[in-house]
Amino acid sequence: MLAPQTIETVKATAPAIQANAAAIGNRFYEMLFEKAPELRNMFNQTNQETGVQPEALAYSVYQAGANIDRLKELRPTIERIAEKHRALDVRPEHYGLVGETLLEAVEEVLGDAATPEILDAWGEAYHALADIFIQKEAVKYEEVEAARGGWTGYRPFYVAEKVPESDVITSFYLKPQDGEAIIPQQPGQYLTLQADIEGEPYTHMRHYSLSDAPNENYYRISVKREDPENGNPAGIVSNYLHRDVNEGDVLLFAAPAGEFVIETEEMPIVLISGGVGITPMMSMLNTLVQEDTKRNVTFIHAADSSKVHAMKARVEQLADTYSNIEAYTCYSAPTENDRTHRMFDKEGFIDADWLETVLPEEQADFYFCGPIPFMKVVNEILKDRGVPAERRHYEVFGPESTIE
């Protein structure tokens, strides 16, 4: 329990953290990596270069401070971060160094405004939140280790198959090198890869959504090759996987993680994806079919064109086979062949008017995933349509961000 004065101080100074989020985040990571360069492997270095990671961190600190007196509202965020921490093998000893460095960054950026009273209050708040994470993550480690086929740390898997799905997305079928059982994932979860890449000074860690239904024999991830675009660098790990990893090669993975999973209620379900955001949706769709669901399923996917549209044939086959599944496609830049053969339902981007023509009239559960701008648009459309927060589920690729 935090003292009322501590809560008051943290809430009063949270806007100053928000106003200086980028500077605090950047300075924090500079100082952290100077103290412990080995921790670089826990963070996406491409996101570091683009500035996404530092801003996301500082914004999360602001959110924690602004809601320090009503932590129940942070439960979904805490759960999501704790899942990623377990997948990255974050341990209690990491929290002390992170907290110390974060306060040093705040003090340096805010200058004289960061009085001892303010720094003490934020220190108390940080340690209270750290204790919540440490306890929650300890339970998660115990559960995954105790489960049949579960494990902690990183386990070797060999690539049983490498299958191109589009011009930019390739699937990797992964089987355990030891031949032992694997814990079935929940549809919508992800695997975390630990990759040592020749020429790279640090180990790289990446989360990749599982893209098939749970089973006891293999995992499947489907990875988009991130090419340099709009001033952003090429994805280090995605290009490594596409270029250098072949069938028979061995990769290291943490056990499946993530809280973006299908709820069990029997109301209609709508799956909306953009680009490589289709991957967790395919896991959900294949699972619904595997379980012979009676729920009405609406599957909506947005892509540039058929050239980058992964798993299109599979979705169309399911929609043709099952009367309770409907599938729709939006292409923002269709090819002439796409137009000639009418391979899409809407040209352009998903918008509210078009969605109204394809969404079920009754209440439904909505799951969506894709680039952040795409998800912001979809979320706003659903909010305007009156869909409550508890029926709007989403997965964020990259650092924890806000969609609201």
Protein backbone atom coordinates (compact mmCIF):
# COMPACT_ATOMS: atom_id res chain seq x y z
CA MET A 1 0.00 0.00 0.00
CA LEU A 2 1.30 3.44 -0.93
CA ALA A 3 0.90 6.42 1.37
CA PRO A 4 -1.68 9.03 0.27
CA GLN A 5 1.06 11.67 -0.06
CA THR A 6 3.05 9.35 -2.37
CA ILE A 7 0.00 8.76 -4.56
CA GLU A 8 -0.77 12.46 -4.69
CA THR A 9 2.82 13.34 -5.68
CA VAL A 10 3.01 10.68 -8.39
CA LYS A 11 -0.33 11.64 -9.94
CA ALA A 12 0.52 15.35 -9.85
CA THR A 13 3.84 14.82 -11.67
CA ALA A 14 2.69 12.18 -14.18
CA PRO A 15 1.91 14.86 -16.83
CA ALA A 16 5.56 16.00 -16.66
CA ILE A 17 6.62 12.43 -17.45
CA GLN A 18 4.22 12.35 -20.39
CA ALA A 19 5.47 15.69 -21.73
CA ASN A 20 9.07 14.45 -21.68
CA ALA A 21 8.38 10.83 -22.65
CA ALA A 22 10.72 10.65 -25.63
CA ALA A 23 13.66 12.27 -23.83
CA ILE A 24 13.23 10.12 -20.71
CA GLY A 25 12.89 6.93 -22.73
CA ASN A 26 15.93 7.64 -24.87
CA ARG A 27 18.12 8.57 -21.90
CA PHE A 28 16.92 5.55 -19.92
CA TYR A 29 18.00 3.10 -22.61
CA GLU A 30 21.32 4.85 -23.17
CA MET A 31 22.13 4.56 -19.48
CA LEU A 32 20.76 1.02 -19.12
CA PHE A 33 22.83 -0.34 -22.00
CA GLU A 34 25.95 1.43 -20.68
CA LYS A 35 25.48 -0.32 -17.34
CA ALA A 36 24.37 -3.71 -18.68
CA PRO A 37 25.00 -4.12 -22.43
CA GLU A 38 23.89 -7.76 -22.17
CA LEU A 39 20.31 -6.54 -21.69
CA ARG A 40 20.20 -5.29 -25.28
CA ASN A 41 19.07 -8.76 -26.27
CA MET A 42 15.72 -8.23 -24.52
CA PHE A 43 14.78 -5.29 -26.72
CA ASN A 44 14.05 -5.01 -30.43
CA GLN A 45 17.00 -3.00 -31.75
CA THR A 46 15.04 -1.88 -34.82
CA ASN A 47 12.45 -0.35 -32.49
CA GLN A 48 15.30 1.29 -30.62
CA GLU A 49 16.56 2.92 -33.82
CA THR A 50 13.13 4.22 -34.81
CA GLY A 51 12.42 5.59 -31.31
CA VAL A 52 9.30 3.47 -30.85
CA GLN A 53 10.64 1.53 -27.86
CA PRO A 54 11.83 4.52 -25.79
CA GLU A 55 8.58 6.44 -26.23
CA ALA A 56 6.52 3.34 -25.43
CA LEU A 57 8.43 2.76 -22.22
CA ALA A 58 8.08 6.34 -20.98
CA TYR A 59 4.38 6.38 -21.89
CA SER A 60 3.87 3.18 -19.88
CA VAL A 61 5.54 4.88 -16.90
CA TYR A 62 3.18 7.84 -17.31
CA GLN A 63 0.14 5.52 -17.48
CA ALA A 64 1.25 3.74 -14.33
CA GLY A 65 1.66 7.04 -12.50
CA ALA A 66 -1.64 8.48 -13.70
CA ASN A 67 -3.49 5.34 -12.53
CA ILE A 68 -1.46 4.55 -9.42
CA ASP A 69 -4.58 4.89 -7.23
CA ARG A 70 -6.71 2.60 -9.42
CA LEU A 71 -4.46 -0.25 -10.49
CA LYS A 72 -7.48 -2.38 -11.44
CA GLU A 73 -7.67 -0.32 -14.63
CA LEU A 74 -4.11 -1.40 -15.46
CA ARG A 75 -4.79 -5.12 -15.06
CA PRO A 76 -5.04 -5.89 -18.81
CA THR A 77 -1.78 -4.01 -19.45
CA ILE A 78 -0.05 -5.66 -16.48
CA GLU A 79 -1.17 -9.08 -17.70
CA ARG A 80 0.05 -8.41 -21.23
CA ILE A 81 3.45 -7.15 -20.06
CA ALA A 82 3.87 -10.00 -17.57
CA GLU A 83 3.28 -12.52 -20.37
CA LYS A 84 5.98 -10.87 -22.46
CA HIS A 85 8.33 -10.73 -19.49
CA ARG A 86 7.89 -14.48 -18.91
CA ALA A 87 8.57 -15.11 -22.61
CA LEU A 88 11.74 -12.98 -22.42
CA ASP A 89 12.90 -14.71 -19.23
CA VAL A 90 12.79 -11.50 -17.18
CA ARG A 91 13.77 -12.27 -13.59
CA PRO A 92 13.39 -10.44 -10.23
CA GLU A 93 17.01 -9.26 -10.26
CA HIS A 94 16.38 -7.21 -13.41
CA TYR A 95 13.89 -4.92 -11.67
CA GLY A 96 16.35 -3.25 -9.32
CA LEU A 97 18.67 -2.07 -12.10
CA VAL A 98 15.78 -0.93 -14.28
CA GLY A 99 14.18 1.07 -11.47
CA GLU A 100 17.45 2.72 -10.47
CA THR A 101 18.19 3.69 -14.08
CA LEU A 102 14.69 4.95 -14.76
CA LEU A 103 14.81 7.33 -11.80
CA GLU A 104 18.24 8.56 -12.90
CA ALA A 105 16.84 9.30 -16.38
CA VAL A 106 13.85 11.16 -14.92
CA GLU A 107 16.14 13.22 -12.69
CA GLU A 108 18.48 14.11 -15.55
CA VAL A 109 15.71 15.07 -18.01
CA LEU A 110 13.50 16.99 -15.58
CA GLY A 111 16.43 18.72 -13.87
CA ASP A 112 15.57 20.86 -10.85
CA ALA A 113 11.89 19.98 -11.24
CA ALA A 114 12.73 16.43 -10.09
CA THR A 115 12.96 17.18 -6.38
CA PRO A 116 14.01 14.51 -3.83
CA GLU A 117 10.37 14.28 -2.72
CA ILE A 118 9.22 13.55 -6.28
CA LEU A 119 11.95 11.00 -6.95
CA ASP A 120 11.25 9.23 -3.65
CA ALA A 121 7.53 9.02 -4.49
CA TRP A 122 8.19 7.60 -7.95
CA GLY A 123 10.70 5.17 -6.46
CA GLU A 124 8.08 3.86 -4.04
CA ALA A 125 5.52 3.57 -6.82
CA TYR A 126 7.97 1.74 -9.07
CA HIS A 127 8.86 -0.82 -6.41
CA ALA A 128 5.18 -1.41 -5.62
CA LEU A 129 4.50 -2.16 -9.29
CA ALA A 130 7.68 -4.23 -9.59
CA ASP A 131 6.48 -6.42 -6.70
CA ILE A 132 3.20 -7.01 -8.56
CA PHE A 133 5.06 -8.08 -11.70
CA ILE A 134 7.54 -10.28 -9.83
CA GLN A 135 4.76 -12.17 -8.05
CA LYS A 136 2.65 -12.55 -11.17
CA GLU A 137 5.61 -13.70 -13.28
CA ALA A 138 6.70 -16.25 -10.64
CA VAL A 139 3.28 -17.91 -10.95
CA LYS A 140 3.57 -17.94 -14.75
CA TYR A 141 7.01 -19.59 -14.65
CA GLU A 142 5.71 -22.27 -12.26
CA GLU A 143 2.62 -22.96 -14.37
CA VAL A 144 4.42 -23.32 -17.70
CA GLU A 145 7.15 -25.53 -16.21
CA ALA A 146 4.61 -27.80 -14.51
CA ALA A 147 2.43 -28.24 -17.61
CA ARG A 148 2.86 -31.35 -19.77
CA GLY A 149 5.26 -30.42 -22.55
CA GLY A 150 6.03 -27.07 -20.91
CA TRP A 151 9.43 -25.55 -20.21
CA THR A 152 11.16 -22.40 -18.99
CA GLY A 153 14.10 -20.73 -20.68
CA TYR A 154 14.76 -21.57 -24.34
CA ARG A 155 14.27 -24.94 -25.98
CA PRO A 156 15.75 -26.08 -29.34
CA PHE A 157 13.38 -26.71 -32.24
CA TYR A 158 14.30 -27.74 -35.76
CA VAL A 159 12.64 -26.34 -38.88
CA ALA A 160 10.63 -29.25 -40.28
CA GLU A 161 9.23 -27.20 -43.18
CA LYS A 162 9.77 -23.72 -44.59
CA VAL A 163 6.81 -22.64 -46.73
CA PRO A 164 6.42 -19.32 -48.61
CA GLU A 165 2.91 -17.92 -48.04
CA SER A 166 3.22 -14.70 -50.10
CA ASP A 167 5.92 -12.45 -51.54
CA VAL A 168 6.83 -11.28 -48.02
CA ILE A 169 5.51 -13.89 -45.54
CA THR A 170 7.01 -17.34 -44.93
CA SER A 171 5.85 -20.06 -42.53
CA PHE A 172 8.21 -22.12 -40.38
CA TYR A 173 6.99 -25.47 -39.03
CA LEU A 174 8.88 -26.20 -35.81
CA LYS A 175 9.37 -29.54 -34.06
CA PRO A 176 11.22 -30.11 -30.75
CA GLN A 177 14.76 -31.37 -31.23
CA ASP A 178 14.44 -33.67 -28.21
CA GLY A 179 11.34 -35.36 -29.65
CA GLU A 180 9.44 -34.85 -26.38
CA ALA A 181 5.93 -33.44 -25.93
CA ILE A 182 5.17 -29.75 -26.46
CA ILE A 183 2.58 -27.73 -24.60
CA PRO A 184 -0.30 -26.83 -26.97
CA GLN A 185 -0.65 -23.09 -27.39
CA GLN A 186 -3.87 -21.18 -26.98
CA PRO A 187 -5.03 -19.74 -30.32
CA GLY A 188 -3.69 -16.17 -30.57
CA GLN A 189 -0.52 -16.74 -28.53
CA TYR A 190 3.06 -16.27 -29.74
CA LEU A 191 6.47 -17.90 -29.51
CA THR A 192 9.60 -15.96 -28.52
CA LEU A 193 12.72 -16.61 -30.58
CA GLN A 194 16.24 -16.20 -29.20
CA ALA A 195 18.56 -15.75 -32.18
CA ASP A 196 22.33 -15.49 -32.33
CA ILE A 197 23.01 -14.05 -35.79
CA GLU A 198 26.45 -14.04 -37.36
CA GLY A 199 27.87 -10.52 -37.42
CA GLU A 200 25.47 -9.22 -34.76
CA PRO A 201 27.12 -8.22 -31.46
CA TYR A 202 24.08 -9.14 -29.35
CA THR A 203 21.51 -11.91 -29.14
CA HIS A 204 18.14 -10.89 -30.60
CA MET A 205 14.72 -11.75 -29.15
CA ARG A 206 11.48 -11.58 -31.15
CA HIS A 207 7.84 -12.51 -30.55
CA TYR A 208 6.13 -14.28 -33.48
CA SER A 209 2.45 -15.17 -33.43
CA LEU A 210 1.56 -18.82 -33.86
CA SER A 211 -0.48 -19.19 -37.03
CA ASP A 212 -2.04 -22.64 -36.80
CA ALA A 213 -4.41 -24.47 -34.48
CA PRO A 214 -2.95 -26.02 -31.32
CA ASN A 215 -1.60 -29.55 -31.70
CA GLU A 216 0.89 -31.85 -29.99
CA ASN A 217 3.31 -32.26 -32.90
CA TYR A 218 4.55 -28.88 -34.11
CA TYR A 219 4.29 -25.12 -33.86
CA ARG A 220 3.93 -22.85 -36.87
CA ILE A 221 5.02 -19.23 -37.05
CA SER A 222 4.54 -17.09 -40.17
CA VAL A 223 7.05 -14.26 -40.46
CA LYS A 224 6.91 -11.14 -42.61
CA ARG A 225 10.24 -10.02 -44.09
CA GLU A 226 10.60 -6.42 -42.98
CA ASP A 227 12.33 -4.54 -45.80
CA PRO A 228 13.71 -0.99 -45.39
CA GLU A 229 10.83 1.41 -45.91
CA ASN A 230 10.00 5.08 -45.25
CA GLY A 231 13.37 5.63 -43.63
CA ASN A 232 13.01 2.64 -41.31
CA PRO A 233 15.79 0.01 -41.34
CA ALA A 234 15.31 -3.57 -42.49
CA GLY A 235 14.22 -6.05 -39.83
CA ILE A 236 17.34 -7.84 -38.60
CA VAL A 237 15.69 -11.05 -37.43
CA SER A 238 12.97 -11.35 -40.07
CA ASN A 239 15.53 -11.05 -42.86
CA TYR A 240 17.77 -13.57 -41.10
CA LEU A 241 14.91 -16.07 -40.96
CA HIS A 242 13.92 -15.57 -44.59
CA ARG A 243 17.47 -15.49 -45.94
CA ASP A 244 19.55 -17.82 -43.77
CA VAL A 245 17.32 -20.30 -41.94
CA ASN A 246 16.43 -23.47 -43.83
CA GLU A 247 14.76 -26.80 -43.20
CA GLY A 248 16.75 -28.80 -40.66
CA ASP A 249 18.22 -25.74 -38.93
CA VAL A 250 17.75 -25.42 -35.16
CA LEU A 251 16.27 -22.37 -33.42
CA LEU A 252 15.66 -21.59 -29.72
CA PHE A 253 12.19 -20.70 -28.45
CA ALA A 254 10.48 -19.90 -25.17
CA ALA A 255 7.14 -21.60 -24.43
CA PRO A 256 3.98 -20.07 -25.94
CA ALA A 257 2.81 -16.87 -24.23
CA GLY A 258 0.22 -14.13 -24.57
CA GLU A 259 -3.25 -13.28 -23.29
CA PHE A 260 -4.76 -12.44 -26.72
CA VAL A 261 -6.88 -15.60 -26.88
CA ILE A 262 -10.44 -16.53 -27.83
CA GLU A 263 -13.08 -16.11 -25.15
CA THR A 264 -15.32 -19.13 -24.69
CA GLU A 265 -18.70 -17.43 -25.06
CA GLU A 266 -20.87 -18.70 -27.87
CA MET A 267 -21.76 -15.37 -29.50
CA PRO A 268 -20.67 -14.57 -33.10
CA ILE A 269 -16.99 -13.79 -33.55
CA VAL A 270 -15.37 -11.29 -35.92
CA LEU A 271 -11.67 -11.57 -36.83
CA ILE A 272 -10.18 -8.46 -38.48
CA SER A 273 -6.55 -8.33 -39.63
CA GLY A 274 -4.18 -6.13 -41.58
CA GLY A 275 -0.98 -7.39 -43.24
CA VAL A 276 0.95 -9.89 -41.14
CA GLY A 277 -1.66 -9.38 -38.41
CA ILE A 278 -3.40 -12.30 -40.13
CA THR A 279 -1.14 -14.76 -38.28
CA PRO A 280 -2.93 -14.98 -34.89
CA MET A 281 -6.27 -14.79 -36.73
CA MET A 282 -5.38 -17.91 -38.71
CA SER A 283 -4.63 -19.73 -35.46
CA MET A 284 -8.04 -18.66 -34.14
CA LEU A 285 -9.88 -19.54 -37.36
CA ASN A 286 -8.24 -22.96 -37.70
CA THR A 287 -9.01 -23.66 -34.03
CA LEU A 288 -12.68 -22.74 -34.43
CA VAL A 289 -12.90 -25.13 -37.38
CA GLN A 290 -10.99 -27.85 -35.52
CA GLU A 291 -13.43 -27.57 -32.62
CA ASP A 292 -16.40 -27.68 -35.02
CA THR A 293 -17.70 -24.39 -33.66
CA LYS A 294 -21.32 -23.43 -34.16
CA ARG A 295 -20.47 -19.74 -33.76
CA ASN A 296 -20.93 -17.54 -36.79
CA VAL A 297 -17.47 -16.37 -37.89
CA THR A 298 -16.72 -13.27 -39.97
CA PHE A 299 -13.12 -13.10 -41.23
CA ILE A 300 -11.95 -9.75 -42.66
CA HIS A 301 -8.45 -9.17 -44.00
CA ALA A 302 -6.80 -6.05 -45.41
CA ALA A 303 -3.61 -6.11 -47.51
CA ASP A 304 -1.96 -4.17 -50.32
CA SER A 305 -2.73 -6.85 -52.93
CA SER A 306 -2.86 -10.60 -53.50
CA LYS A 307 0.94 -10.63 -53.87
CA VAL A 308 1.37 -10.03 -50.13
CA HIS A 309 -1.85 -11.72 -48.97
CA ALA A 310 -0.82 -14.83 -47.04
CA MET A 311 -3.06 -17.89 -46.56
CA LYS A 312 -5.78 -16.54 -48.84
CA ALA A 313 -6.55 -19.96 -50.34
CA ARG A 314 -6.98 -21.54 -46.90
CA VAL A 315 -9.48 -18.90 -45.77
CA GLU A 316 -11.46 -19.16 -49.00
CA GLN A 317 -11.57 -22.95 -48.73
CA LEU A 318 -12.96 -22.75 -45.18
CA ALA A 319 -15.55 -20.14 -46.15
CA ASP A 320 -16.68 -22.33 -49.07
CA THR A 321 -16.86 -25.44 -46.86
CA TYR A 322 -18.56 -24.11 -43.73
CA SER A 323 -21.84 -22.20 -43.86
CA ASN A 324 -21.10 -20.37 -40.60
CA ILE A 325 -17.89 -18.76 -41.94
CA GLU A 326 -17.88 -15.64 -44.11
CA ALA A 327 -14.67 -14.09 -45.47
CA TYR A 328 -14.02 -10.63 -46.93
CA THR A 329 -10.90 -9.00 -48.38
CA CYS A 330 -9.81 -5.36 -48.79
CA TYR A 331 -6.91 -4.46 -51.10
CA SER A 332 -5.49 -0.95 -50.91
CA ALA A 333 -3.31 -1.35 -54.03
CA PRO A 334 -4.72 -4.25 -56.08
CA THR A 335 -2.84 -5.46 -59.14
CA GLU A 336 -4.46 -5.57 -62.57
CA ASN A 337 -4.79 -9.32 -62.14
CA ASP A 338 -6.61 -8.74 -58.83
CA ARG A 339 -9.07 -6.45 -60.59
CA THR A 340 -9.51 -8.71 -63.62
CA HIS A 341 -10.31 -11.76 -61.49
CA ARG A 342 -12.12 -9.76 -58.79
CA MET A 343 -9.95 -11.18 -56.02
CA PHE A 344 -11.15 -8.73 -53.37
CA ASP A 345 -14.40 -7.37 -51.95
CA LYS A 346 -13.37 -3.75 -51.42
CA GLU A 347 -10.70 -1.57 -52.96
CA GLY A 348 -9.10 0.86 -50.54
CA PHE A 349 -8.98 0.79 -46.79
CA ILE A 350 -11.44 -0.63 -44.27
CA ASP A 351 -13.94 2.06 -43.27
CA ALA A 352 -17.06 2.32 -41.14
CA ASP A 353 -19.57 2.42 -44.00
CA TRP A 354 -18.20 -0.73 -45.62
CA LEU A 355 -17.89 -2.60 -42.32
CA GLU A 356 -21.56 -1.96 -41.63
CA THR A 357 -22.42 -3.96 -44.76
CA VAL A 358 -20.51 -7.09 -43.69
CA LEU A 359 -20.63 -7.20 -39.88
CA PRO A 360 -23.28 -9.29 -38.08
CA GLU A 361 -26.24 -7.32 -36.81
CA GLU A 362 -26.25 -9.04 -33.42
CA GLN A 363 -23.67 -8.62 -30.68
CA ALA A 364 -20.28 -10.16 -31.39
CA ASP A 365 -16.78 -10.60 -30.00
CA PHE A 366 -14.19 -8.68 -32.05
CA TYR A 367 -10.52 -9.61 -32.38
CA PHE A 368 -8.20 -7.47 -34.46
CA CYS A 369 -4.50 -7.30 -35.21
CA GLY A 370 -2.25 -5.41 -37.61
CA PRO A 371 -0.19 -2.23 -37.89
CA ILE A 372 -0.86 0.34 -35.16
CA PRO A 373 -2.60 2.88 -37.48
CA PHE A 374 -4.85 0.10 -38.80
CA MET A 375 -5.82 -0.98 -35.29
CA LYS A 376 -6.50 2.58 -34.19
CA VAL A 377 -8.98 2.97 -37.07
CA VAL A 378 -10.68 -0.37 -36.41
CA ASN A 379 -10.92 0.37 -32.69
CA GLU A 380 -12.51 3.78 -33.28
CA ILE A 381 -15.02 2.29 -35.72
CA LEU A 382 -16.02 -0.37 -33.21
CA LYS A 383 -16.30 2.16 -30.39
CA ASP A 384 -18.52 4.37 -32.55
CA ARG A 385 -20.61 1.30 -33.30
CA GLY A 386 -21.15 0.84 -29.56
CA VAL A 387 -18.99 -2.25 -29.08
CA PRO A 388 -17.95 -2.27 -25.38
CA ALA A 389 -14.27 -2.54 -24.39
CA GLU A 390 -14.69 -6.09 -23.08
CA ARG A 391 -15.69 -7.24 -26.59
CA ARG A 392 -12.79 -5.46 -28.35
CA HIS A 393 -9.69 -7.65 -28.17
CA TYR A 394 -6.41 -6.81 -29.89
CA GLU A 395 -2.77 -7.83 -30.14
CA VAL A 396 0.06 -5.31 -30.51
CA PHE A 397 3.13 -6.20 -32.55
CA GLY A 398 6.10 -4.34 -31.10
CA PRO A 399 6.38 -2.42 -27.81
CA GLU A 400 3.35 -2.12 -25.57
CA SER A 401 1.32 0.76 -26.98
CA THR A 402 -2.06 2.31 -26.46
CA ILE A 403 -4.72 1.87 -29.12
CA GLU A 404 -7.20 4.16 -27.40
